[in-house]
Structures are given as structure tokens and as C-alpha cells.
Amino acid sequence: MPKDTRPVARPAEANFIDAFLRQADATPMRRSAGRLIFALDATMSRQPTWDMAQLVQARMFQTAASLGGLDVQLVYFRGFSECRASRFVSGGQGLGDLMAKIACRGGSTQIGKVLRHAAEEARRERLGTLIYVGDAMEEHFDTLCQAAGEMALLGVKAFMFHEGHDGRAGAAFREIARLTGGAYAAFDANAPDRLAALLAAAAAYAAGGFHGLASIAHENDPAARLLLSQLTP
């Protein structure tokens, strides 16, 4: 994935991020049940939800652990063409600390980069799930659909979680989810439990497939039932 070389981050923040990425690259991986990309829009409008995602991500990993574990990669974009990805780490270890050090920056969306990156990862090794959390879409609709189609051919389902009520973003997120056989859901920044439940349900699918998601849907979990109703084989 292209990485911005401009000094957009504060020195201390940039040093922490680079150190984390180096440490992750050097850490041996244990094999988990599934692989998941957790992608976030970190442009300025997302700061409140970035903080919320940091708090609720633990539930996602707890759900995955109960179904055999999950290897997670954090991808985020912000600022002027800055788009970065961590290595896959077991159980998302350390990703909370990484998120805590990242501040949102003004800039345009880079959803296309995220989708193409997911396709590249799937070509390297099986990848079943992309979770994307964002509130806007400022790119060419057809270009995103093409990237989503490439993901679908590689078996990657997109779970598109939409903050707010932007109609253009909602239409794009729904179509990306449909093309990949994934699912779309909206949430409000004032309802962290809703996002936590959606992340946990998507993680259940990433770790356990349809059976994993169905197992929590049968427990009368509304978020799991919503996602399960949209998924296609």
C-alpha cells in the first residue's frame, strides 16, 4: 500500500507508529482461525468515532477469541494521501495502543486504496473479511465498485459500517457490501453499543464463517441478525 512520505504527523506520534510497525513485523505469528482487516477513515470529521472505536474494539476481539481467534490488521487513512497498514497481529494485540496514538487529520477519503489493499492481501493469503468504518465518500463511485468486484472475486466480504446520514456515502457503502456479498449497517456516534455489537458480529463471521455469525444471531443479537440477513455465500 502506498504510504505518504510527507511529515504530516507530529514527531512523537510518527515515531510511535513506525516503532509499532517495526515491532509487529518482527513478532512471530501464531495461526488463528481467520484474518480480518479493520479499516478506518481517520480524517478530521471522524475524531469522535475514532475514539469510540478504540474503546469498543475489545468486544470484537473477545468474540473472535471465543470462536478460535483472529489475526487483525489495522488500516487507516487521513491527511494528504496518508494511508497506512499494520502487519497482521494475533488477536489485535497492540492495535488499541496504536489507535490511541493516532490523531485524525483533515483530508479526503481514500476508500479505493483500502479496497485495493484488501485485494492485494487476499492474493497473498486467504482473507475473508474487511470491516470498514467511515462517514463520507469523496471518490468516483464506479471506481470503488470495480475495486469491490475484484475483492469479491477473491472471496473477501466487506462489512461497511456507516456513521451518520450522508446519502452519497450510504449508497456507496451499500453497493460495496452488495458486490462483495457482505453487509451494510448504519450507526450513530452517540450510540457506542451499536458499533460495538456490529464489530463483534463481523468478527464472529471472520473467525467462524456463517456458522460463527449464526451462533450469536441465535442468541437474539440484533446486530448479528442484521448482518446475517444480508450475507450471500
C-alpha atoms as a PDB file:
ATOM      1  CA  MET A   1       0.000   0.000   0.000  1.00  0.00           C
ATOM      2  CA  PRO A   2       1.372   3.452  -0.821  1.00  0.00           C
ATOM      3  CA  LYS A   3       2.499   5.356   2.237  1.00  0.00           C
ATOM      4  CA  ASP A   4       2.709   9.111   2.471  1.00  0.00           C
ATOM      5  CA  THR A   5       6.253  10.394   2.922  1.00  0.00           C
ATOM      6  CA  ARG A   6       5.262  13.935   3.878  1.00  0.00           C
ATOM      7  CA  PRO A   7       5.757  14.989   7.542  1.00  0.00           C
ATOM      8  CA  VAL A   8       2.058  15.197   8.346  1.00  0.00           C
ATOM      9  CA  ALA A   9       2.308  13.597  11.793  1.00  0.00           C
ATOM     10  CA  ARG A  10       3.860  15.075  14.907  1.00  0.00           C
ATOM     11  CA  PRO A  11       7.368  13.622  15.518  1.00  0.00           C
ATOM     12  CA  ALA A  12       6.409  11.723  18.688  1.00  0.00           C
ATOM     13  CA  GLU A  13       3.330  10.260  17.029  1.00  0.00           C
ATOM     14  CA  ALA A  14       5.209   9.291  13.878  1.00  0.00           C
ATOM     15  CA  ASN A  15       7.982   7.657  15.924  1.00  0.00           C
ATOM     16  CA  PHE A  16       5.450   5.580  17.884  1.00  0.00           C
ATOM     17  CA  ILE A  17       3.644   4.423  14.735  1.00  0.00           C
ATOM     18  CA  ASP A  18       6.872   3.492  12.961  1.00  0.00           C
ATOM     19  CA  ALA A  19       8.118   1.656  16.061  1.00  0.00           C
ATOM     20  CA  PHE A  20       4.877  -0.300  16.306  1.00  0.00           C
ATOM     21  CA  LEU A  21       5.035  -1.335  12.657  1.00  0.00           C
ATOM     22  CA  ARG A  22       8.656  -2.469  13.036  1.00  0.00           C
ATOM     23  CA  GLN A  23       7.836  -4.459  16.178  1.00  0.00           C
ATOM     24  CA  ALA A  24       4.822  -6.100  14.517  1.00  0.00           C
ATOM     25  CA  ASP A  25       6.963  -7.138  11.546  1.00  0.00           C
ATOM     26  CA  ALA A  26       9.450  -8.778  13.912  1.00  0.00           C
ATOM     27  CA  THR A  27       6.864 -10.605  16.047  1.00  0.00           C
ATOM     28  CA  PRO A  28       6.258 -14.287  15.190  1.00  0.00           C
ATOM     29  CA  MET A  29       2.673 -15.041  14.234  1.00  0.00           C
ATOM     30  CA  ARG A  30       0.603 -17.901  15.595  1.00  0.00           C
ATOM     31  CA  ARG A  31      -2.061 -19.251  13.273  1.00  0.00           C
ATOM     32  CA  SER A  32      -5.590 -18.134  14.132  1.00  0.00           C
ATOM     33  CA  ALA A  33      -8.960 -19.133  12.758  1.00  0.00           C
ATOM     34  CA  GLY A  34      -9.323 -16.187  10.397  1.00  0.00           C
ATOM     35  CA  ARG A  35      -7.843 -12.962   9.063  1.00  0.00           C
ATOM     36  CA  LEU A  36      -9.562  -9.602   9.278  1.00  0.00           C
ATOM     37  CA  ILE A  37      -8.713  -6.116   8.044  1.00  0.00           C
ATOM     38  CA  PHE A  38     -10.106  -3.405  10.321  1.00  0.00           C
ATOM     39  CA  ALA A  39     -10.093  -0.206   8.261  1.00  0.00           C
ATOM     40  CA  LEU A  40     -10.959   3.270   9.467  1.00  0.00           C
ATOM     41  CA  ASP A  41     -11.427   6.707   7.997  1.00  0.00           C
ATOM     42  CA  ALA A  42      -9.225   8.899  10.223  1.00  0.00           C
ATOM     43  CA  THR A  43      -9.998  12.225   8.589  1.00  0.00           C
ATOM     44  CA  MET A  44     -10.942  15.094  10.869  1.00  0.00           C
ATOM     45  CA  SER A  45     -14.714  14.526  10.891  1.00  0.00           C
ATOM     46  CA  ARG A  46     -14.129  11.079  12.395  1.00  0.00           C
ATOM     47  CA  GLN A  47     -12.292  12.042  15.603  1.00  0.00           C
ATOM     48  CA  PRO A  48     -15.267  11.340  17.926  1.00  0.00           C
ATOM     49  CA  THR A  49     -15.895   7.942  16.349  1.00  0.00           C
ATOM     50  CA  TRP A  50     -12.189   7.103  16.218  1.00  0.00           C
ATOM     51  CA  ASP A  51     -12.136   7.478  19.989  1.00  0.00           C
ATOM     52  CA  MET A  52     -15.277   5.353  20.250  1.00  0.00           C
ATOM     53  CA  ALA A  53     -13.856   2.605  18.009  1.00  0.00           C
ATOM     54  CA  GLN A  54     -10.778   2.498  20.195  1.00  0.00           C
ATOM     55  CA  LEU A  55     -12.956   1.837  23.236  1.00  0.00           C
ATOM     56  CA  VAL A  56     -15.274  -0.772  21.701  1.00  0.00           C
ATOM     57  CA  GLN A  57     -12.795  -2.809  19.648  1.00  0.00           C
ATOM     58  CA  ALA A  58     -12.085  -5.059  22.650  1.00  0.00           C
ATOM     59  CA  ARG A  59     -15.525  -6.659  22.266  1.00  0.00           C
ATOM     60  CA  MET A  60     -14.689  -7.528  18.671  1.00  0.00           C
ATOM     61  CA  PHE A  61     -11.573  -9.414  19.716  1.00  0.00           C
ATOM     62  CA  GLN A  62     -13.303 -11.134  22.642  1.00  0.00           C
ATOM     63  CA  THR A  63     -15.956 -12.503  20.291  1.00  0.00           C
ATOM     64  CA  ALA A  64     -13.328 -13.708  17.841  1.00  0.00           C
ATOM     65  CA  ALA A  65     -11.312 -15.397  20.590  1.00  0.00           C
ATOM     66  CA  SER A  66     -14.330 -17.465  21.619  1.00  0.00           C
ATOM     67  CA  LEU A  67     -14.527 -18.786  18.044  1.00  0.00           C
ATOM     68  CA  GLY A  68     -10.874 -19.692  17.602  1.00  0.00           C
ATOM     69  CA  GLY A  69      -9.109 -16.360  17.377  1.00  0.00           C
ATOM     70  CA  LEU A  70      -8.437 -13.811  14.718  1.00  0.00           C
ATOM     71  CA  ASP A  71      -5.431 -12.204  13.066  1.00  0.00           C
ATOM     72  CA  VAL A  72      -6.136  -8.495  12.600  1.00  0.00           C
ATOM     73  CA  GLN A  73      -4.568  -5.766  10.514  1.00  0.00           C
ATOM     74  CA  LEU A  74      -5.337  -2.104  11.156  1.00  0.00           C
ATOM     75  CA  VAL A  75      -5.583   0.152   8.095  1.00  0.00           C
ATOM     76  CA  TYR A  76      -6.308   3.867   8.308  1.00  0.00           C
ATOM     77  CA  PHE A  77      -6.134   6.921   6.098  1.00  0.00           C
ATOM     78  CA  ARG A  78      -6.043  10.636   6.825  1.00  0.00           C
ATOM     79  CA  GLY A  79      -4.439  13.902   5.748  1.00  0.00           C
ATOM     80  CA  PHE A  80      -2.893  14.344   2.321  1.00  0.00           C
ATOM     81  CA  SER A  81      -2.721  10.831   0.808  1.00  0.00           C
ATOM     82  CA  GLU A  82      -1.501   9.198   4.033  1.00  0.00           C
ATOM     83  CA  CYS A  83      -2.721   5.595   4.127  1.00  0.00           C
ATOM     84  CA  ARG A  84      -1.011   3.093   6.401  1.00  0.00           C
ATOM     85  CA  ALA A  85      -1.374  -0.543   7.374  1.00  0.00           C
ATOM     86  CA  SER A  86      -0.025  -2.556  10.283  1.00  0.00           C
ATOM     87  CA  ARG A  87       1.099  -6.146   9.968  1.00  0.00           C
ATOM     88  CA  PHE A  88      -1.466  -8.802  10.866  1.00  0.00           C
ATOM     89  CA  VAL A  89      -1.234  -9.389  14.610  1.00  0.00           C
ATOM     90  CA  SER A  90      -2.785 -12.165  16.667  1.00  0.00           C
ATOM     91  CA  GLY A  91      -5.925 -11.070  18.479  1.00  0.00           C
ATOM     92  CA  GLY A  92      -5.324  -7.466  17.520  1.00  0.00           C
ATOM     93  CA  GLN A  93      -2.600  -7.252  20.185  1.00  0.00           C
ATOM     94  CA  GLY A  94      -1.236  -3.735  20.385  1.00  0.00           C
ATOM     95  CA  LEU A  95      -3.707  -2.199  17.953  1.00  0.00           C
ATOM     96  CA  GLY A  96      -5.529  -0.371  20.746  1.00  0.00           C
ATOM     97  CA  ASP A  97      -2.287   1.323  21.790  1.00  0.00           C
ATOM     98  CA  LEU A  98      -1.596   2.211  18.161  1.00  0.00           C
ATOM     99  CA  MET A  99      -5.041   3.761  17.714  1.00  0.00           C
ATOM    100  CA  ALA A 100      -4.614   5.757  20.902  1.00  0.00           C
ATOM    101  CA  LYS A 101      -1.527   7.431  19.437  1.00  0.00           C
ATOM    102  CA  ILE A 102      -3.120   8.364  16.101  1.00  0.00           C
ATOM    103  CA  ALA A 103      -4.888  11.705  15.762  1.00  0.00           C
ATOM    104  CA  CYS A 104      -7.348  12.357  12.975  1.00  0.00           C
ATOM    105  CA  ARG A 105      -6.232  14.799  10.261  1.00  0.00           C
ATOM    106  CA  GLY A 106      -8.150  16.770   7.670  1.00  0.00           C
ATOM    107  CA  GLY A 107      -8.216  15.215   4.208  1.00  0.00           C
ATOM    108  CA  SER A 108     -10.268  13.388   1.602  1.00  0.00           C
ATOM    109  CA  THR A 109     -11.430   9.777   1.752  1.00  0.00           C
ATOM    110  CA  GLN A 110      -9.188   7.032   0.349  1.00  0.00           C
ATOM    111  CA  ILE A 111     -11.616   4.113   0.317  1.00  0.00           C
ATOM    112  CA  GLY A 112     -10.328   2.909  -3.044  1.00  0.00           C
ATOM    113  CA  LYS A 113      -6.853   2.410  -1.577  1.00  0.00           C
ATOM    114  CA  VAL A 114      -8.344   0.369   1.254  1.00  0.00           C
ATOM    115  CA  LEU A 115     -10.289  -1.897  -1.122  1.00  0.00           C
ATOM    116  CA  ARG A 116      -7.297  -2.437  -3.410  1.00  0.00           C
ATOM    117  CA  HIS A 117      -5.109  -3.168  -0.400  1.00  0.00           C
ATOM    118  CA  ALA A 118      -7.589  -5.806   0.798  1.00  0.00           C
ATOM    119  CA  ALA A 119      -7.452  -7.446  -2.624  1.00  0.00           C
ATOM    120  CA  GLU A 120      -3.650  -7.467  -2.534  1.00  0.00           C
ATOM    121  CA  GLU A 121      -3.665  -9.106   0.909  1.00  0.00           C
ATOM    122  CA  ALA A 122      -6.146 -11.718  -0.295  1.00  0.00           C
ATOM    123  CA  ARG A 123      -3.853 -12.603  -3.191  1.00  0.00           C
ATOM    124  CA  ARG A 124      -1.001 -13.204  -0.732  1.00  0.00           C
ATOM    125  CA  GLU A 125      -3.013 -15.316   1.712  1.00  0.00           C
ATOM    126  CA  ARG A 126      -6.644 -16.137   2.271  1.00  0.00           C
ATOM    127  CA  LEU A 127      -8.577 -13.168   3.666  1.00  0.00           C
ATOM    128  CA  GLY A 128     -12.270 -13.445   4.356  1.00  0.00           C
ATOM    129  CA  THR A 129     -13.330 -10.125   5.835  1.00  0.00           C
ATOM    130  CA  LEU A 130     -12.855  -6.382   5.590  1.00  0.00           C
ATOM    131  CA  ILE A 131     -14.517  -4.164   8.196  1.00  0.00           C
ATOM    132  CA  TYR A 132     -14.695  -0.527   7.177  1.00  0.00           C
ATOM    133  CA  VAL A 133     -15.915   2.318   9.412  1.00  0.00           C
ATOM    134  CA  GLY A 134     -16.470   5.732   7.871  1.00  0.00           C
ATOM    135  CA  ASP A 135     -18.839   8.627   7.420  1.00  0.00           C
ATOM    136  CA  ALA A 136     -18.143  10.005   3.935  1.00  0.00           C
ATOM    137  CA  MET A 137     -17.253   9.095   0.341  1.00  0.00           C
ATOM    138  CA  GLU A 138     -15.488  11.616  -1.885  1.00  0.00           C
ATOM    139  CA  GLU A 139     -14.288   9.318  -4.671  1.00  0.00           C
ATOM    140  CA  HIS A 140     -15.557   8.078  -8.021  1.00  0.00           C
ATOM    141  CA  PHE A 141     -18.432   5.675  -7.406  1.00  0.00           C
ATOM    142  CA  ASP A 142     -17.689   3.357 -10.360  1.00  0.00           C
ATOM    143  CA  THR A 143     -14.008   3.094  -9.421  1.00  0.00           C
ATOM    144  CA  LEU A 144     -14.951   1.893  -5.951  1.00  0.00           C
ATOM    145  CA  CYS A 145     -17.390  -0.614  -7.415  1.00  0.00           C
ATOM    146  CA  GLN A 146     -14.660  -2.031  -9.647  1.00  0.00           C
ATOM    147  CA  ALA A 147     -12.351  -2.434  -6.649  1.00  0.00           C
ATOM    148  CA  ALA A 148     -15.170  -4.106  -4.708  1.00  0.00           C
ATOM    149  CA  GLY A 149     -15.723  -6.505  -7.600  1.00  0.00           C
ATOM    150  CA  GLU A 150     -12.068  -7.506  -7.510  1.00  0.00           C
ATOM    151  CA  MET A 151     -12.385  -8.187  -3.786  1.00  0.00           C
ATOM    152  CA  ALA A 152     -15.459 -10.334  -4.426  1.00  0.00           C
ATOM    153  CA  LEU A 153     -13.586 -12.485  -6.938  1.00  0.00           C
ATOM    154  CA  LEU A 154     -11.004 -13.143  -4.224  1.00  0.00           C
ATOM    155  CA  GLY A 155     -13.643 -14.111  -1.668  1.00  0.00           C
ATOM    156  CA  VAL A 156     -13.384 -11.025   0.571  1.00  0.00           C
ATOM    157  CA  LYS A 157     -16.644  -9.796   2.079  1.00  0.00           C
ATOM    158  CA  ALA A 158     -16.903  -6.141   3.092  1.00  0.00           C
ATOM    159  CA  PHE A 159     -18.758  -5.116   6.230  1.00  0.00           C
ATOM    160  CA  MET A 160     -19.413  -1.411   5.679  1.00  0.00           C
ATOM    161  CA  PHE A 161     -20.364   0.446   8.866  1.00  0.00           C
ATOM    162  CA  HIS A 162     -21.645   3.928   8.178  1.00  0.00           C
ATOM    163  CA  GLU A 163     -21.594   6.705  10.737  1.00  0.00           C
ATOM    164  CA  GLY A 164     -24.192   9.435  10.248  1.00  0.00           C
ATOM    165  CA  HIS A 165     -26.575  10.180   7.418  1.00  0.00           C
ATOM    166  CA  ASP A 166     -24.534  11.153   4.351  1.00  0.00           C
ATOM    167  CA  GLY A 167     -26.643   9.830   1.472  1.00  0.00           C
ATOM    168  CA  ARG A 168     -23.806   9.560  -1.043  1.00  0.00           C
ATOM    169  CA  ALA A 169     -21.667   7.602   1.398  1.00  0.00           C
ATOM    170  CA  GLY A 170     -24.577   5.369   2.322  1.00  0.00           C
ATOM    171  CA  ALA A 171     -25.266   4.491  -1.314  1.00  0.00           C
ATOM    172  CA  ALA A 172     -21.610   3.686  -1.967  1.00  0.00           C
ATOM    173  CA  PHE A 173     -21.215   1.625   1.199  1.00  0.00           C
ATOM    174  CA  ARG A 174     -24.351  -0.381   0.426  1.00  0.00           C
ATOM    175  CA  GLU A 175     -23.142  -1.149  -3.089  1.00  0.00           C
ATOM    176  CA  ILE A 176     -19.664  -2.189  -1.927  1.00  0.00           C
ATOM    177  CA  ALA A 177     -21.271  -4.527   0.603  1.00  0.00           C
ATOM    178  CA  ARG A 178     -23.668  -5.939  -2.009  1.00  0.00           C
ATOM    179  CA  LEU A 179     -20.967  -6.532  -4.616  1.00  0.00           C
ATOM    180  CA  THR A 180     -18.786  -8.432  -2.148  1.00  0.00           C
ATOM    181  CA  GLY A 181     -21.632 -10.403  -0.603  1.00  0.00           C
ATOM    182  CA  GLY A 182     -21.065  -8.611   2.678  1.00  0.00           C
ATOM    183  CA  ALA A 183     -23.297  -6.361   4.769  1.00  0.00           C
ATOM    184  CA  TYR A 184     -24.073  -2.710   5.458  1.00  0.00           C
ATOM    185  CA  ALA A 185     -25.199  -1.092   8.690  1.00  0.00           C
ATOM    186  CA  ALA A 186     -25.540   2.485   9.913  1.00  0.00           C
ATOM    187  CA  PHE A 187     -24.814   3.702  13.415  1.00  0.00           C
ATOM    188  CA  ASP A 188     -24.890   6.926  15.385  1.00  0.00           C
ATOM    189  CA  ALA A 189     -21.782   8.340  17.032  1.00  0.00           C
ATOM    190  CA  ASN A 190     -23.819   8.751  20.217  1.00  0.00           C
ATOM    191  CA  ALA A 191     -24.532   5.003  20.429  1.00  0.00           C
ATOM    192  CA  PRO A 192     -21.235   3.173  21.094  1.00  0.00           C
ATOM    193  CA  ASP A 193     -23.049  -0.056  21.975  1.00  0.00           C
ATOM    194  CA  ARG A 194     -24.387  -0.240  18.422  1.00  0.00           C
ATOM    195  CA  LEU A 195     -20.899  -0.030  16.892  1.00  0.00           C
ATOM    196  CA  ALA A 196     -19.536  -2.493  19.455  1.00  0.00           C
ATOM    197  CA  ALA A 197     -22.240  -5.015  18.549  1.00  0.00           C
ATOM    198  CA  LEU A 198     -21.626  -4.583  14.810  1.00  0.00           C
ATOM    199  CA  LEU A 199     -17.873  -5.074  15.199  1.00  0.00           C
ATOM    200  CA  ALA A 200     -18.392  -8.160  17.347  1.00  0.00           C
ATOM    201  CA  ALA A 201     -20.812  -9.665  14.826  1.00  0.00           C
ATOM    202  CA  ALA A 202     -18.447  -9.045  11.908  1.00  0.00           C
ATOM    203  CA  ALA A 203     -15.577 -10.558  13.904  1.00  0.00           C
ATOM    204  CA  ALA A 204     -17.716 -13.623  14.577  1.00  0.00           C
ATOM    205  CA  TYR A 205     -18.069 -14.079  10.830  1.00  0.00           C
ATOM    206  CA  ALA A 206     -14.348 -13.517  10.223  1.00  0.00           C
ATOM    207  CA  ALA A 207     -13.405 -16.132  12.824  1.00  0.00           C
ATOM    208  CA  GLY A 208     -16.208 -18.651  12.358  1.00  0.00           C
ATOM    209  CA  GLY A 209     -17.848 -18.007   8.993  1.00  0.00           C
ATOM    210  CA  PHE A 210     -21.611 -18.227   8.598  1.00  0.00           C
ATOM    211  CA  HIS A 211     -21.799 -20.698  11.484  1.00  0.00           C
ATOM    212  CA  GLY A 212     -19.933 -18.315  13.798  1.00  0.00           C
ATOM    213  CA  LEU A 213     -22.215 -15.422  12.953  1.00  0.00           C
ATOM    214  CA  ALA A 214     -25.333 -17.580  13.162  1.00  0.00           C
ATOM    215  CA  SER A 215     -24.312 -18.794  16.610  1.00  0.00           C
ATOM    216  CA  ILE A 216     -24.599 -15.295  18.066  1.00  0.00           C
ATOM    217  CA  ALA A 217     -27.582 -14.382  15.884  1.00  0.00           C
ATOM    218  CA  HIS A 218     -29.449 -17.268  17.508  1.00  0.00           C
ATOM    219  CA  GLU A 219     -28.781 -15.621  20.869  1.00  0.00           C
ATOM    220  CA  ASN A 220     -31.120 -12.853  19.694  1.00  0.00           C
ATOM    221  CA  ASP A 221     -28.294 -10.452  18.881  1.00  0.00           C
ATOM    222  CA  PRO A 222     -29.911  -7.778  16.660  1.00  0.00           C
ATOM    223  CA  ALA A 223     -26.619  -6.718  15.042  1.00  0.00           C
ATOM    224  CA  ALA A 224     -25.715 -10.303  14.150  1.00  0.00           C
ATOM    225  CA  ARG A 225     -29.183 -10.934  12.744  1.00  0.00           C
ATOM    226  CA  LEU A 226     -28.976  -7.795  10.606  1.00  0.00           C
ATOM    227  CA  LEU A 227     -25.645  -8.775   9.101  1.00  0.00           C
ATOM    228  CA  LEU A 228     -26.622 -12.415   8.630  1.00  0.00           C
ATOM    229  CA  SER A 229     -29.752 -11.384   6.718  1.00  0.00           C
ATOM    230  CA  GLN A 230     -27.606  -9.629   4.088  1.00  0.00           C
ATOM    231  CA  LEU A 231     -24.719 -12.055   3.588  1.00  0.00           C
ATOM    232  CA  THR A 232     -24.578 -14.149   0.439  1.00  0.00           C
ATOM    233  CA  PRO A 233     -22.496 -17.332   0.001  1.00  0.00           C
END
